[in-house]
Amino acid sequence: MELFKTWSFTRILAKLEIMPLYWYIPVAYSALCALLFPVGQLIDWLHISDKIVASQNMPSNIWLKYLLVVLAAPILETFLYQALPFYFLSLFQFFRRNVWIIILVSSIGFGLAHNFSTQYSIHTTFVGFIFISTYIIRTKKKDPFLSTYILHAVFNFMAITLSNFI
């Protein structure tokens, strides 16, 4: 029982809030990867399989693809799906008390924006959950946008690299 007191959710969040960015990003990326495995298993179990229809609109030039997907898209998406919802919903006392609603709205918005297939939307909704959680956790450290952007860029970098070279 003493172990659970040491590793309580509140204590873990407190550590993540003050953790330096160079430690936070690998920890958050690991959590993101760890979350996607059971999500993939759930999607398989529910027999949700459909073809990705629109994601092939990517440029064929690999350097342009990296520029768009790793550098440009995370800036725009962090602004639209984490910063704006957090800022505007936090203006209301109800949402400040119920942060989970901000997380839900942002995550679902992020997933719907990536509507290339049902399977892909489900995955990106959970990815969006980690991104908005990062944004909220890092507000006390005063680097929520930077933290979320870097995590998103690292995630996209790994996705593009693995899909093109493995």
Foldseek 3Di string as FASTA:
>chain_A
DVVCVVVPPVVVLVCLQPPDLVVNLVVLLVVLVVVLVVLVVVCVVVVFDDDQAPPVPADPPLVSNLCCQQPPVLLVLCVVQAVVLCVVQVVDPVCVVVVVVSLQRSLLVQLVVSVRDPSSSSSSSSVSSSLNVQLVSHVSVVCSSVSSSNSSSVVRVVVSCVVPPD
